[in-house]
C-alpha atoms as a PDB file:
ATOM      1  CA  MET A   1       9.468 -67.144 -48.346  1.00  0.00           C
ATOM      2  CA  ARG A   2      12.369 -65.984 -46.255  1.00  0.00           C
ATOM      3  CA  THR A   3      14.746 -68.762 -45.192  1.00  0.00           C
ATOM      4  CA  ARG A   4      17.537 -66.670 -43.729  1.00  0.00           C
ATOM      5  CA  LYS A   5      17.646 -63.854 -41.234  1.00  0.00           C
ATOM      6  CA  PRO A   6      20.402 -61.314 -40.555  1.00  0.00           C
ATOM      7  CA  VAL A   7      22.034 -61.611 -37.163  1.00  0.00           C
ATOM      8  CA  GLY A   8      24.265 -59.074 -35.458  1.00  0.00           C
ATOM      9  CA  GLN A   9      25.546 -58.434 -31.970  1.00  0.00           C
ATOM     10  CA  GLY A  10      25.364 -54.696 -31.397  1.00  0.00           C
ATOM     11  CA  GLY A  11      28.185 -53.791 -33.772  1.00  0.00           C
ATOM     12  CA  MET A  12      30.599 -56.285 -32.233  1.00  0.00           C
ATOM     13  CA  ARG A  13      30.796 -58.184 -35.474  1.00  0.00           C
ATOM     14  CA  GLU A  14      29.644 -57.769 -38.999  1.00  0.00           C
ATOM     15  CA  ARG A  15      26.193 -59.030 -39.831  1.00  0.00           C
ATOM     16  CA  VAL A  16      26.115 -62.617 -41.054  1.00  0.00           C
ATOM     17  CA  GLU A  17      23.487 -64.766 -42.699  1.00  0.00           C
ATOM     18  CA  ILE A  18      22.434 -67.819 -40.686  1.00  0.00           C
ATOM     19  CA  PRO A  19      19.810 -70.199 -42.066  1.00  0.00           C
ATOM     20  CA  VAL A  20      16.609 -70.024 -40.004  1.00  0.00           C
ATOM     21  CA  GLY A  21      16.106 -73.254 -38.040  1.00  0.00           C
ATOM     22  CA  SER A  22      19.719 -74.334 -38.361  1.00  0.00           C
ATOM     23  CA  VAL A  23      21.763 -75.553 -35.415  1.00  0.00           C
ATOM     24  CA  ALA A  24      23.693 -72.257 -35.497  1.00  0.00           C
ATOM     25  CA  ASP A  25      20.423 -70.310 -35.406  1.00  0.00           C
ATOM     26  CA  GLU A  26      19.198 -72.305 -32.394  1.00  0.00           C
ATOM     27  CA  ALA A  27      22.540 -71.972 -30.605  1.00  0.00           C
ATOM     28  CA  LEU A  28      22.613 -68.231 -31.202  1.00  0.00           C
ATOM     29  CA  GLY A  29      19.036 -67.918 -29.964  1.00  0.00           C
ATOM     30  CA  TRP A  30      19.897 -69.855 -26.792  1.00  0.00           C
ATOM     31  CA  THR A  31      23.000 -67.708 -26.253  1.00  0.00           C
ATOM     32  CA  GLU A  32      21.054 -64.490 -26.671  1.00  0.00           C
ATOM     33  CA  GLN A  33      18.331 -65.677 -24.285  1.00  0.00           C
ATOM     34  CA  HIS A  34      20.932 -66.751 -21.729  1.00  0.00           C
ATOM     35  CA  ALA A  35      22.608 -63.324 -21.918  1.00  0.00           C
ATOM     36  CA  LEU A  36      19.223 -61.621 -21.424  1.00  0.00           C
ATOM     37  CA  ASP A  37      18.492 -63.867 -18.424  1.00  0.00           C
ATOM     38  CA  LEU A  38      21.854 -63.028 -16.866  1.00  0.00           C
ATOM     39  CA  GLY A  39      21.235 -59.321 -17.377  1.00  0.00           C
ATOM     40  CA  GLU A  40      17.772 -59.602 -15.854  1.00  0.00           C
ATOM     41  CA  SER A  41      19.169 -61.514 -12.857  1.00  0.00           C
ATOM     42  CA  ALA A  42      21.819 -58.837 -12.312  1.00  0.00           C
ATOM     43  CA  LEU A  43      19.188 -56.084 -12.501  1.00  0.00           C
ATOM     44  CA  ASP A  44      16.947 -57.945 -10.047  1.00  0.00           C
ATOM     45  CA  ALA A  45      19.837 -58.325  -7.590  1.00  0.00           C
ATOM     46  CA  MET A  46      20.705 -54.630  -7.890  1.00  0.00           C
ATOM     47  CA  LEU A  47      17.080 -53.605  -7.285  1.00  0.00           C
ATOM     48  CA  HIS A  48      16.813 -55.916  -4.260  1.00  0.00           C
ATOM     49  CA  ARG A  49      19.959 -54.375  -2.765  1.00  0.00           C
ATOM     50  CA  ALA A  50      18.663 -50.835  -3.368  1.00  0.00           C
ATOM     51  CA  VAL A  51      15.273 -51.600  -1.796  1.00  0.00           C
ATOM     52  CA  ARG A  52      16.891 -53.343   1.192  1.00  0.00           C
ATOM     53  CA  LYS A  53      19.220 -50.367   1.700  1.00  0.00           C
ATOM     54  CA  ALA A  54      16.286 -47.936   1.511  1.00  0.00           C
ATOM     55  CA  LEU A  55      14.228 -49.941   3.998  1.00  0.00           C
ATOM     56  CA  GLU A  56      17.141 -50.143   6.446  1.00  0.00           C
ATOM     57  CA  ASP A  57      17.827 -46.387   6.197  1.00  0.00           C
ATOM     58  CA  ALA A  58      16.965 -44.771   9.544  1.00  0.00           C
ATOM     59  CA  SER A  59      16.922 -41.181   8.250  1.00  0.00           C
ATOM     60  CA  PRO A  60      13.546 -39.387   8.315  1.00  0.00           C
ATOM     61  CA  ALA A  61      11.267 -39.747   5.297  1.00  0.00           C
ATOM     62  CA  ILE A  62      11.050 -36.881   2.820  1.00  0.00           C
ATOM     63  CA  PRO A  63       7.457 -35.768   2.138  1.00  0.00           C
ATOM     64  CA  ALA A  64       6.286 -36.637  -1.380  1.00  0.00           C
ATOM     65  CA  GLY A  65       5.325 -33.013  -2.067  1.00  0.00           C
ATOM     66  CA  ARG A  66       8.886 -31.908  -1.399  1.00  0.00           C
ATOM     67  CA  VAL A  67      10.312 -34.634  -3.645  1.00  0.00           C
ATOM     68  CA  PHE A  68       8.056 -33.651  -6.550  1.00  0.00           C
ATOM     69  CA  GLU A  69       8.801 -29.958  -6.035  1.00  0.00           C
ATOM     70  CA  ASP A  70      12.535 -30.678  -6.189  1.00  0.00           C
ATOM     71  CA  LEU A  71      12.066 -32.780  -9.332  1.00  0.00           C
ATOM     72  CA  TRP A  72      10.010 -30.034 -10.982  1.00  0.00           C
ATOM     73  CA  LEU A  73      12.700 -27.440 -10.177  1.00  0.00           C
ATOM     74  CA  PHE A  74      15.449 -29.743 -11.434  1.00  0.00           C
ATOM     75  CA  HIS A  75      13.600 -30.287 -14.710  1.00  0.00           C
ATOM     76  CA  ALA A  76      12.932 -26.556 -15.118  1.00  0.00           C
ATOM     77  CA  GLU A  77      16.630 -25.782 -14.592  1.00  0.00           C
ATOM     78  CA  ARG A  78      17.604 -28.354 -17.225  1.00  0.00           C
ATOM     79  CA  LEU A  79      15.140 -26.844 -19.713  1.00  0.00           C
ATOM     80  CA  ASN A  80      16.485 -23.332 -19.010  1.00  0.00           C
ATOM     81  CA  ALA A  81      20.071 -24.525 -19.447  1.00  0.00           C
ATOM     82  CA  ALA A  82      19.159 -26.116 -22.773  1.00  0.00           C
ATOM     83  CA  GLY A  83      17.340 -22.944 -23.899  1.00  0.00           C
ATOM     84  CA  ARG A  84      13.988 -24.742 -24.234  1.00  0.00           C
ATOM     85  CA  ALA A  85      12.026 -22.972 -21.502  1.00  0.00           C
END
């Protein structure tokens, strides 16, 4: 039965062994969850700003067919540039 788990923070520190269920394990779990929540809150705020800006934009709408045509052409150019077309 495994009683320890490796923990690392994206290469910021070397991996360490923390006993599962220990106070350090719980604190690290809370810290990681808090960081994820902060990141999610920041992403939500950014998306809300982008949507608000788009809704307040008075410029004429671009037809969906034109948008998809432009995306298809953009993708085709990228494939050609990479030699994969």
